[in-house]
Amino acid sequence: MKKRLTGLVTSDKRNKTRRVEIERLYRHPKYGKIVRSRTICHVHDEENSAKEGDTVEIIETRPLSKTKRWNLVRIVKAGSQAPSVDEVP
């Protein structure tokens, strides 16, 4: 069974590759404090459909490059993106 995770796209600058952060909360084993942690995954996005700020679902796959080990399944929620400097009239 392949792992399926949900995360936030933090970078869409590369062609067919997205950087996705998966945040998780866990209790510290010794001190009991709730700790926030993140995992960064590089995801293959064949159609360049995911944009920065989107929440996406990804699935584990065979190694596609040095860092890419995940494929984009679907965009769960489109993020709100402010217009860039080029788009402002």
Foldseek 3Di string as FASTA:
>chain_A
DWDKAKFFFADLPDPQKTKTKGKDWDADPPPRDIDIDIDIAIEGHNVSPADGGWIFMWIADPDPDPGHGIYTDGTPGHGDDDDDPVPDD
